[in-house]
PDB file of N, CA and C in Angstrom:
ATOM      1  N   MET A   1      19.438  20.425 -26.179  1.00  0.00           N
ATOM      2  CA  MET A   1      18.581  19.481 -26.937  1.00  0.00           C
ATOM      3  C   MET A   1      17.305  20.414 -26.948  1.00  0.00           C
ATOM      4  N   SER A   2      16.558  20.633 -27.823  1.00  0.00           N
ATOM      5  CA  SER A   2      15.392  21.243 -27.925  1.00  0.00           C
ATOM      6  C   SER A   2      14.207  20.166 -27.762  1.00  0.00           C
ATOM      7  N   ARG A   3      13.118  20.607 -26.983  1.00  0.00           N
ATOM      8  CA  ARG A   3      11.798  19.682 -26.555  1.00  0.00           C
ATOM      9  C   ARG A   3      11.221  19.661 -28.247  1.00  0.00           C
ATOM     10  N   SER A   4      10.969  18.340 -28.313  1.00  0.00           N
ATOM     11  CA  SER A   4      10.388  17.759 -29.430  1.00  0.00           C
ATOM     12  C   SER A   4       8.927  18.333 -29.230  1.00  0.00           C
ATOM     13  N   THR A   5       8.020  18.312 -30.457  1.00  0.00           N
ATOM     14  CA  THR A   5       6.540  18.718 -30.073  1.00  0.00           C
ATOM     15  C   THR A   5       5.855  17.356 -31.007  1.00  0.00           C
ATOM     16  N   GLY A   6       6.722  16.555 -31.776  1.00  0.00           N
ATOM     17  CA  GLY A   6       6.226  15.450 -32.397  1.00  0.00           C
ATOM     18  C   GLY A   6       5.067  14.791 -31.270  1.00  0.00           C
ATOM     19  N   LEU A   7       4.291  13.660 -32.180  1.00  0.00           N
ATOM     20  CA  LEU A   7       3.501  12.895 -31.515  1.00  0.00           C
ATOM     21  C   LEU A   7       4.420  11.434 -31.222  1.00  0.00           C
ATOM     22  N   PHE A   8       5.082  10.996 -32.166  1.00  0.00           N
ATOM     23  CA  PHE A   8       5.682   9.927 -31.915  1.00  0.00           C
ATOM     24  C   PHE A   8       7.235  10.229 -31.458  1.00  0.00           C
ATOM     25  N   VAL A   9       7.694   9.705 -30.285  1.00  0.00           N
ATOM     26  CA  VAL A   9       8.898  10.223 -30.005  1.00  0.00           C
ATOM     27  C   VAL A   9       9.820   9.062 -30.033  1.00  0.00           C
ATOM     28  N   THR A  10      11.084   9.316 -29.733  1.00  0.00           N
ATOM     29  CA  THR A  10      12.231   8.141 -29.394  1.00  0.00           C
ATOM     30  C   THR A  10      12.196   8.008 -27.781  1.00  0.00           C
ATOM     31  N   GLU A  11      12.923   6.837 -27.590  1.00  0.00           N
ATOM     32  CA  GLU A  11      13.212   6.808 -26.404  1.00  0.00           C
ATOM     33  C   GLU A  11      13.887   7.903 -25.442  1.00  0.00           C
ATOM     34  N   ALA A  12      14.656   8.355 -25.869  1.00  0.00           N
ATOM     35  CA  ALA A  12      15.435   9.628 -25.482  1.00  0.00           C
ATOM     36  C   ALA A  12      14.606  10.666 -25.172  1.00  0.00           C
ATOM     37  N   GLN A  13      13.667  11.272 -26.350  1.00  0.00           N
ATOM     38  CA  GLN A  13      12.597  12.081 -26.264  1.00  0.00           C
ATOM     39  C   GLN A  13      11.568  11.748 -25.135  1.00  0.00           C
ATOM     40  N   CYS A  14      11.188  10.457 -25.168  1.00  0.00           N
ATOM     41  CA  CYS A  14      10.241  10.025 -24.084  1.00  0.00           C
ATOM     42  C   CYS A  14      10.811  10.257 -22.684  1.00  0.00           C
ATOM     43  N   ALA A  15      12.095   9.910 -22.776  1.00  0.00           N
ATOM     44  CA  ALA A  15      12.719  10.084 -21.138  1.00  0.00           C
ATOM     45  C   ALA A  15      12.804  11.388 -20.864  1.00  0.00           C
ATOM     46  N   GLU A  16      13.209  12.368 -21.782  1.00  0.00           N
ATOM     47  CA  GLU A  16      13.461  13.892 -21.379  1.00  0.00           C
ATOM     48  C   GLU A  16      12.071  14.383 -21.239  1.00  0.00           C
ATOM     49  N   ARG A  17      10.903  13.728 -21.862  1.00  0.00           N
ATOM     50  CA  ARG A  17       9.527  14.578 -21.480  1.00  0.00           C
ATOM     51  C   ARG A  17       9.004  14.253 -20.245  1.00  0.00           C
ATOM     52  N   MET A  18       9.449  13.019 -19.844  1.00  0.00           N
ATOM     53  CA  MET A  18       9.216  12.632 -18.249  1.00  0.00           C
ATOM     54  C   MET A  18      10.007  12.842 -17.296  1.00  0.00           C
ATOM     55  N   GLY A  19      11.120  13.519 -17.768  1.00  0.00           N
ATOM     56  CA  GLY A  19      12.315  14.500 -16.898  1.00  0.00           C
ATOM     57  C   GLY A  19      13.185  13.188 -16.405  1.00  0.00           C
ATOM     58  N   LEU A  20      13.313  12.382 -17.193  1.00  0.00           N
ATOM     59  CA  LEU A  20      14.416  11.217 -16.791  1.00  0.00           C
ATOM     60  C   LEU A  20      15.538  11.243 -17.723  1.00  0.00           C
ATOM     61  N   THR A  21      16.400  10.995 -17.372  1.00  0.00           N
ATOM     62  CA  THR A  21      17.423  10.513 -18.224  1.00  0.00           C
ATOM     63  C   THR A  21      17.264   9.253 -18.968  1.00  0.00           C
ATOM     64  N   THR A  22      18.035   8.951 -20.155  1.00  0.00           N
ATOM     65  CA  THR A  22      17.824   7.706 -20.787  1.00  0.00           C
ATOM     66  C   THR A  22      18.119   6.379 -19.935  1.00  0.00           C
ATOM     67  N   GLU A  23      19.066   6.801 -19.325  1.00  0.00           N
ATOM     68  CA  GLU A  23      19.428   5.339 -18.396  1.00  0.00           C
ATOM     69  C   GLU A  23      18.523   5.232 -17.662  1.00  0.00           C
ATOM     70  N   GLN A  24      17.956   6.203 -16.870  1.00  0.00           N
ATOM     71  CA  GLN A  24      16.625   6.033 -15.746  1.00  0.00           C
ATOM     72  C   GLN A  24      15.515   5.392 -16.519  1.00  0.00           C
ATOM     73  N   PHE A  25      15.216   5.938 -17.870  1.00  0.00           N
ATOM     74  CA  PHE A  25      14.351   5.604 -18.397  1.00  0.00           C
ATOM     75  C   PHE A  25      14.465   3.860 -18.777  1.00  0.00           C
ATOM     76  N   ASN A  26      15.509   3.622 -19.276  1.00  0.00           N
ATOM     77  CA  ASN A  26      15.812   2.075 -19.577  1.00  0.00           C
ATOM     78  C   ASN A  26      15.582   1.388 -18.491  1.00  0.00           C
ATOM     79  N   LEU A  27      16.024   1.767 -17.300  1.00  0.00           N
ATOM     80  CA  LEU A  27      16.120   0.774 -16.065  1.00  0.00           C
ATOM     81  C   LEU A  27      14.532   0.828 -15.504  1.00  0.00           C
ATOM     82  N   ALA A  28      13.728   1.670 -15.728  1.00  0.00           N
ATOM     83  CA  ALA A  28      12.183   1.684 -15.270  1.00  0.00           C
ATOM     84  C   ALA A  28      11.294   0.931 -16.566  1.00  0.00           C
ATOM     85  N   LEU A  29      11.881   0.901 -17.721  1.00  0.00           N
ATOM     86  CA  LEU A  29      10.914   0.304 -18.476  1.00  0.00           C
ATOM     87  C   LEU A  29      10.454  -1.214 -18.213  1.00  0.00           C
ATOM     88  N   PRO A  30      11.371  -2.154 -17.880  1.00  0.00           N
ATOM     89  CA  PRO A  30      10.835  -3.395 -17.793  1.00  0.00           C
ATOM     90  C   PRO A  30       9.722  -3.649 -16.801  1.00  0.00           C
ATOM     91  N   ALA A  31       9.597  -2.554 -15.856  1.00  0.00           N
ATOM     92  CA  ALA A  31       8.537  -2.713 -14.807  1.00  0.00           C
ATOM     93  C   ALA A  31       7.395  -2.035 -15.592  1.00  0.00           C
ATOM     94  N   ALA A  32       7.736  -0.876 -16.308  1.00  0.00           N
ATOM     95  CA  ALA A  32       6.317  -0.063 -16.847  1.00  0.00           C
ATOM     96  C   ALA A  32       5.746  -1.023 -17.721  1.00  0.00           C
ATOM     97  N   ARG A  33       6.533  -1.702 -18.514  1.00  0.00           N
ATOM     98  CA  ARG A  33       5.937  -2.393 -19.659  1.00  0.00           C
ATOM     99  C   ARG A  33       5.007  -3.447 -18.858  1.00  0.00           C
ATOM    100  N   LYS A  34       5.356  -3.936 -17.841  1.00  0.00           N
ATOM    101  CA  LYS A  34       4.548  -5.012 -17.243  1.00  0.00           C
ATOM    102  C   LYS A  34       3.178  -4.292 -16.886  1.00  0.00           C
ATOM    103  N   ALA A  35       3.220  -3.102 -16.602  1.00  0.00           N
ATOM    104  CA  ALA A  35       1.944  -2.521 -16.183  1.00  0.00           C
ATOM    105  C   ALA A  35       1.523  -1.762 -17.111  1.00  0.00           C
ATOM    106  N   GLY A  36       1.798  -2.043 -18.448  1.00  0.00           N
ATOM    107  CA  GLY A  36       0.780  -1.666 -19.701  1.00  0.00           C
ATOM    108  C   GLY A  36       1.647  -0.400 -20.227  1.00  0.00           C
ATOM    109  N   PHE A  37       2.833  -0.012 -20.019  1.00  0.00           N
ATOM    110  CA  PHE A  37       3.305   1.069 -20.829  1.00  0.00           C
ATOM    111  C   PHE A  37       3.216   0.762 -22.220  1.00  0.00           C
ATOM    112  N   PRO A  38       2.816   1.847 -22.958  1.00  0.00           N
ATOM    113  CA  PRO A  38       2.936   2.054 -24.252  1.00  0.00           C
ATOM    114  C   PRO A  38       4.023   1.451 -25.153  1.00  0.00           C
ATOM    115  N   SER A  39       3.947   0.426 -26.145  1.00  0.00           N
ATOM    116  CA  SER A  39       4.986  -0.328 -26.934  1.00  0.00           C
ATOM    117  C   SER A  39       5.343   0.868 -27.916  1.00  0.00           C
ATOM    118  N   PRO A  40       6.412   0.589 -28.580  1.00  0.00           N
ATOM    119  CA  PRO A  40       6.948   1.250 -29.803  1.00  0.00           C
ATOM    120  C   PRO A  40       6.198   0.943 -30.876  1.00  0.00           C
ATOM    121  N   ASP A  41       5.627   1.753 -31.919  1.00  0.00           N
ATOM    122  CA  ASP A  41       4.909   1.288 -32.783  1.00  0.00           C
ATOM    123  C   ASP A  41       5.805   1.112 -34.147  1.00  0.00           C
ATOM    124  N   PRO A  42       5.962  -0.174 -34.553  1.00  0.00           N
ATOM    125  CA  PRO A  42       6.953  -0.228 -35.909  1.00  0.00           C
ATOM    126  C   PRO A  42       6.566   0.433 -37.051  1.00  0.00           C
ATOM    127  N   LEU A  43       5.508   0.852 -37.203  1.00  0.00           N
ATOM    128  CA  LEU A  43       4.932   1.502 -38.361  1.00  0.00           C
ATOM    129  C   LEU A  43       5.337   2.933 -38.226  1.00  0.00           C
ATOM    130  N   PHE A  44       5.616   3.427 -37.252  1.00  0.00           N
ATOM    131  CA  PHE A  44       6.316   4.779 -37.199  1.00  0.00           C
ATOM    132  C   PHE A  44       7.570   4.992 -36.348  1.00  0.00           C
ATOM    133  N   ALA A  45       8.636   4.021 -37.349  1.00  0.00           N
ATOM    134  CA  ALA A  45      10.084   3.973 -36.612  1.00  0.00           C
ATOM    135  C   ALA A  45      10.181   3.508 -35.444  1.00  0.00           C
ATOM    136  N   ASN A  46       9.337   2.786 -34.782  1.00  0.00           N
ATOM    137  CA  ASN A  46       9.543   2.369 -33.579  1.00  0.00           C
ATOM    138  C   ASN A  46       9.548   3.320 -32.699  1.00  0.00           C
ATOM    139  N   ARG A  47       8.807   4.279 -32.766  1.00  0.00           N
ATOM    140  CA  ARG A  47       8.635   5.578 -31.915  1.00  0.00           C
ATOM    141  C   ARG A  47       7.376   5.162 -31.087  1.00  0.00           C
ATOM    142  N   ARG A  48       7.316   5.824 -29.912  1.00  0.00           N
ATOM    143  CA  ARG A  48       6.177   5.729 -28.696  1.00  0.00           C
ATOM    144  C   ARG A  48       5.181   6.916 -29.244  1.00  0.00           C
ATOM    145  N   TYR A  49       3.895   6.696 -29.084  1.00  0.00           N
ATOM    146  CA  TYR A  49       3.005   7.640 -29.440  1.00  0.00           C
ATOM    147  C   TYR A  49       2.727   8.600 -27.916  1.00  0.00           C
ATOM    148  N   TRP A  50       3.128   9.583 -27.976  1.00  0.00           N
ATOM    149  CA  TRP A  50       3.286  10.337 -26.737  1.00  0.00           C
ATOM    150  C   TRP A  50       2.138  10.523 -26.015  1.00  0.00           C
ATOM    151  N   PRO A  51       0.990  10.763 -26.784  1.00  0.00           N
ATOM    152  CA  PRO A  51      -0.325  11.035 -25.901  1.00  0.00           C
ATOM    153  C   PRO A  51      -0.910   9.587 -25.242  1.00  0.00           C
ATOM    154  N   ALA A  52      -0.477   8.550 -25.594  1.00  0.00           N
ATOM    155  CA  ALA A  52      -0.586   7.263 -25.166  1.00  0.00           C
ATOM    156  C   ALA A  52       0.203   7.041 -23.922  1.00  0.00           C
ATOM    157  N   VAL A  53       1.288   7.727 -24.019  1.00  0.00           N
ATOM    158  CA  VAL A  53       2.427   7.522 -22.940  1.00  0.00           C
ATOM    159  C   VAL A  53       1.770   8.654 -21.974  1.00  0.00           C
ATOM    160  N   LYS A  54       1.513   9.525 -21.994  1.00  0.00           N
ATOM    161  CA  LYS A  54       0.751  10.546 -21.207  1.00  0.00           C
ATOM    162  C   LYS A  54      -0.245   9.929 -20.395  1.00  0.00           C
ATOM    163  N   ALA A  55      -1.248   9.501 -21.518  1.00  0.00           N
ATOM    164  CA  ALA A  55      -2.609   8.834 -20.702  1.00  0.00           C
ATOM    165  C   ALA A  55      -2.174   7.920 -19.914  1.00  0.00           C
ATOM    166  N   TRP A  56      -1.371   6.978 -20.118  1.00  0.00           N
ATOM    167  CA  TRP A  56      -0.637   6.000 -19.140  1.00  0.00           C
ATOM    168  C   TRP A  56      -0.349   6.569 -17.924  1.00  0.00           C
ATOM    169  N   LEU A  57       0.456   7.583 -17.859  1.00  0.00           N
ATOM    170  CA  LEU A  57       0.988   8.105 -16.614  1.00  0.00           C
ATOM    171  C   LEU A  57      -0.135   8.724 -16.009  1.00  0.00           C
ATOM    172  N   ASP A  58      -0.863   9.605 -16.624  1.00  0.00           N
ATOM    173  CA  ASP A  58      -2.164   9.950 -16.127  1.00  0.00           C
ATOM    174  C   ASP A  58      -2.993   8.812 -15.191  1.00  0.00           C
ATOM    175  N   ARG A  59      -3.332   7.637 -15.826  1.00  0.00           N
ATOM    176  CA  ARG A  59      -4.233   6.624 -15.249  1.00  0.00           C
ATOM    177  C   ARG A  59      -3.120   6.207 -14.035  1.00  0.00           C
ATOM    178  N   ARG A  60      -2.163   6.011 -14.164  1.00  0.00           N
ATOM    179  CA  ARG A  60      -1.129   5.489 -13.046  1.00  0.00           C
ATOM    180  C   ARG A  60      -1.132   6.296 -11.844  1.00  0.00           C
ATOM    181  N   TYR A  61      -1.404   7.706 -11.941  1.00  0.00           N
ATOM    182  CA  TYR A  61      -1.383   8.513 -10.986  1.00  0.00           C
ATOM    183  C   TYR A  61      -2.631   9.279 -10.618  1.00  0.00           C
ATOM    184  N   ASP A  62      -3.805   8.574 -11.095  1.00  0.00           N
ATOM    185  CA  ASP A  62      -5.382   8.950 -10.926  1.00  0.00           C
ATOM    186  C   ASP A  62      -5.858  10.041 -11.450  1.00  0.00           C
ATOM    187  N   LEU A  63      -5.189  10.772 -12.394  1.00  0.00           N
ATOM    188  CA  LEU A  63      -5.562  12.180 -12.878  1.00  0.00           C
ATOM    189  C   LEU A  63      -6.558  11.693 -14.007  1.00  0.00           C
ATOM    190  N   ASN A  64      -7.613  12.487 -13.968  1.00  0.00           N
ATOM    191  CA  ASN A  64      -8.735  12.671 -14.994  1.00  0.00           C
ATOM    192  C   ASN A  64      -8.587  13.445 -15.904  1.00  0.00           C
ATOM    193  N   GLN A  65      -8.741  13.298 -17.002  1.00  0.00           N
ATOM    194  CA  GLN A  65      -8.715  14.279 -18.094  1.00  0.00           C
ATOM    195  C   GLN A  65     -10.183  14.889 -18.368  1.00  0.00           C
ATOM    196  N   VAL A  66     -10.254  15.868 -18.730  1.00  0.00           N
ATOM    197  CA  VAL A  66     -11.843  16.539 -18.915  1.00  0.00           C
ATOM    198  C   VAL A  66     -12.107  15.794 -20.325  1.00  0.00           C
ATOM    199  N   GLY A  67     -13.182  15.323 -20.420  1.00  0.00           N
ATOM    200  CA  GLY A  67     -13.913  14.542 -21.244  1.00  0.00           C
ATOM    201  C   GLY A  67     -13.453  13.095 -21.126  1.00  0.00           C
ATOM    202  N   ASP A  68     -12.991  12.625 -19.858  1.00  0.00           N
ATOM    203  CA  ASP A  68     -12.339  11.302 -19.903  1.00  0.00           C
ATOM    204  C   ASP A  68     -13.742  10.566 -19.500  1.00  0.00           C
ATOM    205  N   MET A  69     -14.181   9.319 -20.183  1.00  0.00           N
ATOM    206  CA  MET A  69     -15.573   8.560 -19.943  1.00  0.00           C
ATOM    207  C   MET A  69     -15.295   7.639 -18.867  1.00  0.00           C
ATOM    208  N   THR A  70     -13.924   7.779 -18.188  1.00  0.00           N
ATOM    209  CA  THR A  70     -14.032   6.810 -17.036  1.00  0.00           C
ATOM    210  C   THR A  70     -13.939   7.572 -15.944  1.00  0.00           C
ATOM    211  N   ALA A  71     -13.958   8.850 -15.939  1.00  0.00           N
ATOM    212  CA  ALA A  71     -14.104   9.760 -14.901  1.00  0.00           C
ATOM    213  C   ALA A  71     -15.483   9.698 -14.344  1.00  0.00           C
ATOM    214  N   PRO A  72     -15.623   9.900 -12.948  1.00  0.00           N
ATOM    215  CA  PRO A  72     -17.174   9.798 -12.613  1.00  0.00           C
ATOM    216  C   PRO A  72     -17.494  11.276 -13.008  1.00  0.00           C
ATOM    217  N   PRO A  73     -19.218  11.329 -13.329  1.00  0.00           N
ATOM    218  CA  PRO A  73     -19.800  12.534 -13.683  1.00  0.00           C
ATOM    219  C   PRO A  73     -19.698  13.848 -12.713  1.00  0.00           C
ATOM    220  N   GLY A  74     -19.845  14.623 -13.004  1.00  0.00           N
ATOM    221  CA  GLY A  74     -20.170  15.939 -12.025  1.00  0.00           C
ATOM    222  C   GLY A  74     -21.545  15.707 -11.343  1.00  0.00           C
ATOM    223  N   LEU A  75     -22.433  15.350 -12.427  1.00  0.00           N
ATOM    224  CA  LEU A  75     -23.613  15.483 -11.585  1.00  0.00           C
ATOM    225  C   LEU A  75     -24.345  14.186 -11.593  1.00  0.00           C
ATOM    226  N   ASP A  76     -25.263  13.844 -10.759  1.00  0.00           N
ATOM    227  CA  ASP A  76     -25.777  12.376 -10.563  1.00  0.00           C
ATOM    228  C   ASP A  76     -27.274  12.529 -11.124  1.00  0.00           C
ATOM    229  N   GLY A  77     -27.737  13.738 -11.580  1.00  0.00           N
ATOM    230  CA  GLY A  77     -29.168  13.916 -12.051  1.00  0.00           C
ATOM    231  C   GLY A  77     -29.861  15.163 -11.518  1.00  0.00           C
ATOM    232  N   PRO A  78     -31.195  15.134 -12.121  1.00  0.00           N
ATOM    233  CA  PRO A  78     -31.733  16.617 -11.482  1.00  0.00           C
ATOM    234  C   PRO A  78     -32.010  16.683  -9.819  1.00  0.00           C
ATOM    235  N   GLU A  79     -31.693  18.097  -9.377  1.00  0.00           N
ATOM    236  CA  GLU A  79     -32.106  17.833  -8.131  1.00  0.00           C
ATOM    237  C   GLU A  79     -33.806  18.145  -7.876  1.00  0.00           C
ATOM    238  N   ASN A  80     -34.401  17.691  -6.617  1.00  0.00           N
ATOM    239  CA  ASN A  80     -35.382  17.803  -6.356  1.00  0.00           C
ATOM    240  C   ASN A  80     -35.565  18.503  -4.990  1.00  0.00           C
ATOM    241  N   TRP A  81     -35.953  19.931  -4.993  1.00  0.00           N
ATOM    242  CA  TRP A  81     -35.810  20.733  -3.865  1.00  0.00           C
ATOM    243  C   TRP A  81     -37.112  20.771  -3.076  1.00  0.00           C
ATOM    244  N   GLU A  82     -38.294  20.128  -3.546  1.00  0.00           N
ATOM    245  CA  GLU A  82     -39.513  20.344  -2.759  1.00  0.00           C
ATOM    246  C   GLU A  82     -39.835  18.997  -2.248  1.00  0.00           C
ATOM    247  N   SER A  83     -38.860  18.545  -1.642  1.00  0.00           N
ATOM    248  CA  SER A  83     -38.846  17.213  -0.812  1.00  0.00           C
ATOM    249  C   SER A  83     -39.645  17.547   0.441  1.00  0.00           C
TER     250      SER A  83
END
């Protein structure tokens, strides 16, 4: 099976992208839903929006994305070298 590049993924595609079997994915799903895992969207054939799934995983493992406004900024202000 070739890896899908679509934004909206089936349960099987979501599991595959996460490195799980469909059975493993379905076993983990109830706990993941309780922790805020993205729901399938009925407007898009009950598929999950992959960028939301990836963002959920990144938050779960404390990975900050470039441009993530929740990440602490790299600079705290101008430096005063003449103190």
